[in-house]
Amino acid sequence: MSQTDLAERVGVTRQTIYAIEKNKFTPSVVLAFKIARTLKVDINYLFTLEEKDD
């Protein structure tokens, strides 16, 4: 599926999908679930919290 297709299905722009992929934008919880549902994968597969060392 292209970025454009995914964006249309979840109601955002292609640029938003690109920014999420490049870790330049963190989606809302609602958008994250929409993306996971659209791609038919578990949300944890797509989005994980990386812990930083202090």
N, C-alpha and C. Protein backbone atom coordinates (compact mmCIF):
# COMPACT_ATOMS: atom_id res chain seq x y z
N MET A 1 0.85 -1.17 0.00
CA MET A 1 0.00 0.00 0.00
C MET A 1 0.91 1.24 0.00
N SER A 2 0.55 2.20 -0.79
CA SER A 2 1.35 3.43 -0.86
C SER A 2 1.02 4.36 0.30
N GLN A 3 1.89 5.31 0.52
CA GLN A 3 1.63 6.32 1.55
C GLN A 3 0.34 7.07 1.25
N THR A 4 0.11 7.35 -0.01
CA THR A 4 -1.10 8.07 -0.40
C THR A 4 -2.35 7.25 -0.09
N ASP A 5 -2.32 5.96 -0.41
CA ASP A 5 -3.46 5.07 -0.12
C ASP A 5 -3.74 5.03 1.38
N LEU A 6 -2.69 4.83 2.17
CA LEU A 6 -2.86 4.76 3.62
C LEU A 6 -3.40 6.08 4.15
N ALA A 7 -2.84 7.17 3.69
CA ALA A 7 -3.28 8.48 4.15
C ALA A 7 -4.77 8.70 3.87
N GLU A 8 -5.21 8.35 2.68
CA GLU A 8 -6.62 8.50 2.32
C GLU A 8 -7.51 7.64 3.22
N ARG A 9 -7.07 6.44 3.50
CA ARG A 9 -7.88 5.52 4.31
C ARG A 9 -8.01 5.96 5.76
N VAL A 10 -6.98 6.63 6.29
CA VAL A 10 -7.04 7.04 7.70
C VAL A 10 -7.36 8.53 7.87
N GLY A 11 -7.49 9.25 6.77
CA GLY A 11 -7.94 10.64 6.83
C GLY A 11 -6.87 11.67 7.14
N VAL A 12 -5.64 11.43 6.64
CA VAL A 12 -4.57 12.41 6.81
C VAL A 12 -3.90 12.62 5.47
N THR A 13 -2.87 13.46 5.44
CA THR A 13 -2.14 13.69 4.19
C THR A 13 -1.01 12.68 4.05
N ARG A 14 -0.52 12.56 2.84
CA ARG A 14 0.63 11.69 2.60
C ARG A 14 1.84 12.19 3.37
N GLN A 15 1.95 13.50 3.49
CA GLN A 15 3.06 14.09 4.23
C GLN A 15 3.05 13.67 5.70
N THR A 16 1.85 13.52 6.27
CA THR A 16 1.74 13.07 7.65
C THR A 16 2.25 11.65 7.79
N ILE A 17 1.89 10.78 6.87
CA ILE A 17 2.36 9.40 6.91
C ILE A 17 3.88 9.37 6.77
N TYR A 18 4.41 10.16 5.87
CA TYR A 18 5.86 10.24 5.68
C TYR A 18 6.54 10.69 6.98
N ALA A 19 6.00 11.73 7.61
CA ALA A 19 6.59 12.25 8.85
C ALA A 19 6.56 11.21 9.97
N ILE A 20 5.49 10.43 10.04
CA ILE A 20 5.41 9.37 11.04
C ILE A 20 6.49 8.33 10.76
N GLU A 21 6.64 7.94 9.51
CA GLU A 21 7.65 6.94 9.14
C GLU A 21 9.06 7.40 9.47
N LYS A 22 9.32 8.69 9.37
CA LYS A 22 10.65 9.24 9.61
C LYS A 22 10.86 9.70 11.06
N ASN A 23 9.88 9.37 11.92
CA ASN A 23 9.94 9.76 13.35
C ASN A 23 10.02 11.27 13.55
N LYS A 24 9.39 12.01 12.67
CA LYS A 24 9.34 13.46 12.79
C LYS A 24 8.00 13.93 13.33
N PHE A 25 7.05 13.00 13.47
CA PHE A 25 5.72 13.31 13.96
C PHE A 25 5.19 12.11 14.72
N THR A 26 4.66 12.36 15.90
CA THR A 26 4.05 11.29 16.70
C THR A 26 2.55 11.39 16.53
N PRO A 27 1.93 10.33 16.02
CA PRO A 27 0.48 10.39 15.79
C PRO A 27 -0.30 10.32 17.10
N SER A 28 -1.51 10.83 17.06
CA SER A 28 -2.40 10.68 18.21
C SER A 28 -2.70 9.20 18.39
N VAL A 29 -3.22 8.86 19.55
CA VAL A 29 -3.59 7.47 19.82
C VAL A 29 -4.64 7.01 18.81
N VAL A 30 -5.60 7.86 18.54
CA VAL A 30 -6.66 7.51 17.59
C VAL A 30 -6.08 7.23 16.21
N LEU A 31 -5.19 8.09 15.74
CA LEU A 31 -4.59 7.90 14.43
C LEU A 31 -3.72 6.64 14.42
N ALA A 32 -2.99 6.40 15.48
CA ALA A 32 -2.15 5.20 15.56
C ALA A 32 -3.01 3.94 15.43
N PHE A 33 -4.14 3.92 16.12
CA PHE A 33 -5.04 2.76 16.03
C PHE A 33 -5.64 2.64 14.63
N LYS A 34 -5.98 3.76 14.00
CA LYS A 34 -6.53 3.71 12.64
C LYS A 34 -5.51 3.11 11.67
N ILE A 35 -4.26 3.53 11.81
CA ILE A 35 -3.21 3.01 10.93
C ILE A 35 -3.03 1.51 11.15
N ALA A 36 -2.93 1.10 12.40
CA ALA A 36 -2.76 -0.32 12.71
C ALA A 36 -3.93 -1.14 12.19
N ARG A 37 -5.13 -0.66 12.40
CA ARG A 37 -6.32 -1.38 11.95
C ARG A 37 -6.35 -1.47 10.42
N THR A 38 -6.00 -0.38 9.76
CA THR A 38 -5.99 -0.37 8.30
C THR A 38 -4.97 -1.35 7.74
N LEU A 39 -3.81 -1.44 8.40
CA LEU A 39 -2.76 -2.35 7.95
C LEU A 39 -2.94 -3.77 8.48
N LYS A 40 -3.95 -3.95 9.35
CA LYS A 40 -4.27 -5.26 9.93
C LYS A 40 -3.09 -5.85 10.70
N VAL A 41 -2.49 -4.99 11.53
CA VAL A 41 -1.40 -5.41 12.41
C VAL A 41 -1.66 -4.88 13.81
N ASP A 42 -1.00 -5.49 14.78
CA ASP A 42 -1.09 -5.03 16.16
C ASP A 42 -0.41 -3.67 16.28
N ILE A 43 -1.00 -2.79 17.05
CA ILE A 43 -0.45 -1.44 17.21
C ILE A 43 0.98 -1.49 17.76
N ASN A 44 1.28 -2.48 18.60
CA ASN A 44 2.63 -2.60 19.15
C ASN A 44 3.66 -2.94 18.08
N TYR A 45 3.23 -3.54 17.01
CA TYR A 45 4.14 -3.84 15.90
C TYR A 45 4.59 -2.56 15.21
N LEU A 46 3.70 -1.59 15.15
CA LEU A 46 4.01 -0.33 14.45
C LEU A 46 4.63 0.72 15.34
N PHE A 47 4.15 0.80 16.57
CA PHE A 47 4.56 1.89 17.44
C PHE A 47 5.07 1.34 18.77
N THR A 48 6.34 1.59 19.05
CA THR A 48 6.92 1.21 20.33
C THR A 48 7.61 2.41 20.93
N LEU A 49 7.63 2.46 22.23
CA LEU A 49 8.29 3.55 22.93
C LEU A 49 9.72 3.16 23.18
N GLU A 50 10.64 3.93 22.63
CA GLU A 50 12.05 3.68 22.85
C GLU A 50 12.49 4.44 24.10
N GLU A 51 13.06 3.72 25.03
CA GLU A 51 13.51 4.35 26.26
C GLU A 51 14.94 4.84 26.06
N LYS A 52 15.18 6.06 26.50
CA LYS A 52 16.51 6.66 26.37
C LYS A 52 17.29 6.45 27.65
N ASP A 53 18.58 6.21 27.48
CA ASP A 53 19.45 6.10 28.65
C ASP A 53 19.73 7.49 29.20
N ASP A 54 19.73 7.60 30.50
CA ASP A 54 20.00 8.92 31.12
C ASP A 54 21.48 9.15 31.26
